[in-house]
């Protein structure tokens, strides 16, 4: 039976992929990739030679019907992102919704997602948390941060290395400079780095450095028992 299969891929280290994911990628008729060049490296490493097609935020709206047609014709299609689980701050939601609407089976494999190791590794409470992903770059950003300033759950953010210090400074202004954070960079890679401390301390660490790699910020939730700085 044809179906859409969402396949998580490693966030850095190519070994962080499941046996099942490799098997699925070898068996499907078509692999949809956020960036075919990035996915081609993974496929070559595991000697996967299946058909590859681009599916990203700039073409997903116009590609959806074509993919639905392929699925309805009997093809089995896998969706991958550059790293992690499709749909988590990456394309995936729209095609899943359309498959469900058209009664096409959807299967999602468990696997890598960058925020999980960053959260567990942060030393901050992780029994309850909220995932914010990428904040709005401009419009609505300040309003959202003000709303989050009294969020009691641990908060998870993705950020560009180029905006990291600016974002931490904004957090400090609205959350208070003593709010605890953990910044994870280059997770699972050779230069993985996890910096923990107050916003004041973490800003001081990063402000004069050249920052590279994917960034996950874990921020402590608002504690009514602790005074705002």
Protein backbone atom coordinates (compact mmCIF):
# COMPACT_ATOMS: atom_id res chain seq x y z
CA UNK A 1 0.00 0.00 0.00
CA UNK A 2 1.26 3.48 -0.83
CA UNK A 3 1.94 5.80 2.10
CA UNK A 4 3.97 8.78 3.25
CA UNK A 5 6.74 7.96 5.72
CA UNK A 6 8.44 10.69 7.75
CA UNK A 7 12.03 9.64 8.41
CA UNK A 8 14.23 11.43 10.98
CA UNK A 9 17.85 11.92 9.93
CA UNK A 10 20.94 12.66 12.06
CA UNK A 11 21.36 16.18 13.42
CA UNK A 12 25.12 15.90 12.91
CA UNK A 13 26.80 12.54 13.38
CA UNK A 14 25.81 10.25 10.50
CA UNK A 15 25.80 7.24 12.85
CA UNK A 16 22.75 8.63 14.64
CA UNK A 17 20.23 7.01 12.31
CA UNK A 18 18.20 3.91 13.07
CA UNK A 19 18.49 0.61 11.21
CA UNK A 20 14.83 0.93 10.38
CA UNK A 21 15.28 4.39 8.86
CA UNK A 22 18.02 3.10 6.55
CA UNK A 23 15.83 0.16 5.52
CA UNK A 24 12.89 2.45 4.75
CA UNK A 25 15.01 4.83 2.69
CA UNK A 26 16.29 1.88 0.66
CA UNK A 27 12.78 0.53 0.04
CA UNK A 28 10.67 3.60 -0.83
CA UNK A 29 9.98 4.70 -4.40
CA UNK A 30 10.82 8.36 -3.80
CA UNK A 31 12.66 10.41 -1.17
CA UNK A 32 11.62 14.03 -0.66
CA UNK A 33 14.48 16.11 0.76
CA UNK A 34 14.70 19.64 2.10
CA UNK A 35 18.11 20.03 0.43
CA UNK A 36 19.01 17.25 -2.01
CA UNK A 37 22.73 18.02 -1.69
CA UNK A 38 22.68 17.51 2.08
CA UNK A 39 20.58 14.36 1.87
CA UNK A 40 22.75 12.99 -0.95
CA UNK A 41 25.70 12.85 1.47
CA UNK A 42 23.68 10.71 3.89
CA UNK A 43 22.34 8.46 1.12
CA UNK A 44 25.79 7.93 -0.35
CA UNK A 45 27.17 7.02 3.09
CA UNK A 46 24.54 4.24 3.44
CA UNK A 47 24.64 3.23 -0.25
CA UNK A 48 21.04 4.29 -0.86
CA UNK A 49 20.34 4.99 -4.52
CA UNK A 50 16.62 5.73 -4.59
CA UNK A 51 15.07 8.61 -6.51
CA UNK A 52 15.54 11.97 -4.77
CA UNK A 53 13.43 15.11 -5.19
CA UNK A 54 13.50 18.57 -3.54
CA UNK A 55 10.72 19.49 -1.10
CA UNK A 56 11.34 22.65 0.94
CA UNK A 57 9.58 25.75 2.26
CA UNK A 58 9.97 27.58 -1.06
CA UNK A 59 8.25 24.94 -3.19
CA UNK A 60 6.10 22.84 -0.83
CA UNK A 61 2.82 24.61 -1.67
CA UNK A 62 3.12 24.01 -5.40
CA UNK A 63 4.59 20.51 -4.97
CA UNK A 64 1.93 19.09 -2.68
CA UNK A 65 -0.60 18.11 -5.33
CA UNK A 66 2.10 16.43 -7.44
CA UNK A 67 3.16 14.37 -4.42
CA UNK A 68 -0.44 13.47 -3.57
CA UNK A 69 -0.89 12.30 -7.17
CA UNK A 70 2.22 10.11 -6.90
CA UNK A 71 0.98 8.60 -3.63
CA UNK A 72 -2.47 7.96 -5.08
CA UNK A 73 -0.84 6.23 -8.06
CA UNK A 74 0.65 3.66 -5.67
CA UNK A 75 4.11 5.04 -4.83
CA UNK A 76 5.56 4.95 -1.33
CA UNK A 77 7.26 8.25 -0.45
CA UNK A 78 9.70 9.15 2.35
CA UNK A 79 10.10 12.70 3.61
CA UNK A 80 13.34 13.81 5.25
CA UNK A 81 14.67 17.19 6.37
CA UNK A 82 18.30 18.30 6.43
CA UNK A 83 18.56 17.15 10.04
CA UNK A 84 16.18 15.82 12.67
CA UNK A 85 12.49 14.99 12.36
CA UNK A 86 10.47 16.46 9.46
CA UNK A 87 7.80 18.90 10.63
CA UNK A 88 9.80 20.19 13.62
CA UNK A 89 10.78 23.69 12.38
CA UNK A 90 11.05 22.10 8.91
CA UNK A 91 8.58 21.27 6.10
CA UNK A 92 6.22 18.40 6.87
CA UNK A 93 2.99 19.70 8.37
CA UNK A 94 1.32 20.68 5.07
CA UNK A 95 1.95 17.39 3.25
CA UNK A 96 0.89 15.35 6.31
CA UNK A 97 -2.34 17.32 6.55
CA UNK A 98 -3.02 16.85 2.85
CA UNK A 99 -2.37 13.10 3.07
CA UNK A 100 -4.78 12.77 5.98
CA UNK A 101 -7.39 14.76 4.03
CA UNK A 102 -6.97 12.36 1.09
CA UNK A 103 -7.01 9.26 3.35
CA UNK A 104 -3.41 8.40 2.45
CA UNK A 105 -1.64 6.54 5.30
CA UNK A 106 1.08 8.47 7.12
CA UNK A 107 3.77 6.79 9.20
CA UNK A 108 6.39 8.57 11.31
CA UNK A 109 9.57 6.83 12.46
CA UNK A 110 11.07 7.75 15.84
CA UNK A 111 14.51 9.27 15.73
CA UNK A 112 16.72 12.31 16.01
CA UNK A 113 15.39 15.72 17.06
CA UNK A 114 17.90 18.37 18.14
CA UNK A 115 15.93 19.81 21.05
CA UNK A 116 15.62 16.53 23.00
CA UNK A 117 19.33 16.02 23.81
CA UNK A 118 19.74 19.76 24.37
CA UNK A 119 16.85 19.78 26.86
CA UNK A 120 17.89 16.65 28.76
CA UNK A 121 21.51 17.85 28.83
CA UNK A 122 20.64 21.35 30.08
CA UNK A 123 20.21 20.52 33.75
CA UNK A 124 16.93 22.45 33.70
CA UNK A 125 13.56 20.84 34.54
CA UNK A 126 12.34 18.77 31.59
CA UNK A 127 9.17 17.11 32.86
CA UNK A 128 7.17 20.06 31.45
CA UNK A 129 8.39 22.30 28.65
CA UNK A 130 7.25 24.39 25.70
CA UNK A 131 8.87 24.28 22.28
CA UNK A 132 9.06 27.70 20.59
CA UNK A 133 11.37 26.82 17.69
CA UNK A 134 12.55 29.90 15.79
CA UNK A 135 11.17 33.18 17.14
CA UNK A 136 9.79 35.69 14.60
CA UNK A 137 12.84 37.53 13.22
CA UNK A 138 11.16 40.97 13.41
CA UNK A 139 7.41 41.50 13.55
CA UNK A 140 5.88 40.02 16.68
CA UNK A 141 9.21 39.04 18.25
CA UNK A 142 9.14 41.51 21.14
CA UNK A 143 5.49 40.76 21.87
CA UNK A 144 6.15 37.00 21.96
CA UNK A 145 9.12 37.41 24.28
CA UNK A 146 7.07 39.55 26.67
CA UNK A 147 4.41 36.83 26.72
CA UNK A 148 7.08 34.22 27.49
CA UNK A 149 8.73 36.24 30.25
CA UNK A 150 6.34 34.66 32.78
CA UNK A 151 6.10 31.21 31.17
CA UNK A 152 6.65 28.75 34.02
CA UNK A 153 7.73 25.79 31.89
CA UNK A 154 11.24 25.31 30.54
CA UNK A 155 11.43 26.92 27.09
CA UNK A 156 13.16 25.63 23.95
CA UNK A 157 14.33 27.85 21.10
CA UNK A 158 16.22 27.33 17.86
CA UNK A 159 18.48 30.17 16.77
CA UNK A 160 20.96 31.14 14.08
CA UNK A 161 24.58 31.50 15.27
CA UNK A 162 24.55 35.02 13.80
CA UNK A 163 21.69 36.11 16.06
CA UNK A 164 22.60 34.15 19.19
CA UNK A 165 24.11 36.99 21.26
CA UNK A 166 21.40 39.45 20.21
CA UNK A 167 18.73 36.93 21.23
CA UNK A 168 20.38 36.24 24.59
CA UNK A 169 20.55 39.99 25.27
CA UNK A 170 16.83 40.29 24.47
CA UNK A 171 16.15 37.40 26.85
CA UNK A 172 18.18 39.15 29.53
CA UNK A 173 16.24 42.38 29.11
CA UNK A 174 12.86 40.66 29.37
CA UNK A 175 13.55 37.57 31.50
CA UNK A 176 16.17 39.06 33.82
CA UNK A 177 19.93 38.54 33.60
CA UNK A 178 19.96 35.86 36.32
CA UNK A 179 17.54 33.57 34.43
CA UNK A 180 19.32 30.24 33.85
CA UNK A 181 19.93 29.05 30.29
CA UNK A 182 21.81 26.36 28.42
CA UNK A 183 23.12 26.89 24.89
CA UNK A 184 23.92 23.77 22.87
CA UNK A 185 25.95 24.15 19.69
CA UNK A 186 26.94 21.58 17.05
CA UNK A 187 25.13 18.75 18.84
CA UNK A 188 26.57 15.25 18.15
CA UNK A 189 29.45 16.71 16.13
CA UNK A 190 33.15 16.82 16.96
CA UNK A 191 32.96 20.42 18.24
CA UNK A 192 29.80 19.98 20.32
CA UNK A 193 29.55 22.61 23.04
CA UNK A 194 27.08 23.04 25.91
CA UNK A 195 27.32 26.28 27.87
CA UNK A 196 25.19 26.64 31.00
CA UNK A 197 24.68 29.47 33.45
CA UNK A 198 22.81 32.71 33.97
CA UNK A 199 22.00 34.83 30.93
CA UNK A 200 24.63 37.30 32.13
CA UNK A 201 27.29 34.57 32.26
CA UNK A 202 26.36 32.98 28.93
CA UNK A 203 26.27 36.33 27.12
CA UNK A 204 29.72 37.10 28.51
CA UNK A 205 30.99 33.76 27.20
CA UNK A 206 29.69 34.20 23.65
CA UNK A 207 29.80 37.95 23.02
CA UNK A 208 33.38 38.12 21.71
CA UNK A 209 33.45 34.74 19.94
CA UNK A 210 32.91 33.73 16.34
CA UNK A 211 29.93 31.40 16.61
CA UNK A 212 29.22 28.62 14.13
CA UNK A 213 26.81 25.71 13.88
CA UNK A 214 23.22 24.94 14.76
CA UNK A 215 22.03 26.42 18.06
CA UNK A 216 19.47 25.22 20.63
CA UNK A 217 18.71 27.50 23.59
CA UNK A 218 17.05 26.06 26.69
CA UNK A 219 15.71 28.74 29.04
CA UNK A 220 14.54 28.30 32.60
CA UNK A 221 10.85 28.99 33.21
CA UNK A 222 9.67 31.91 35.31
CA UNK A 223 9.85 31.20 39.03
CA UNK A 224 7.49 33.32 41.12
CA UNK A 225 9.63 32.61 44.21
CA UNK A 226 12.71 34.18 42.61
CA UNK A 227 12.82 37.97 42.23
CA UNK A 228 13.30 39.37 38.71
CA UNK A 229 16.68 41.02 38.26
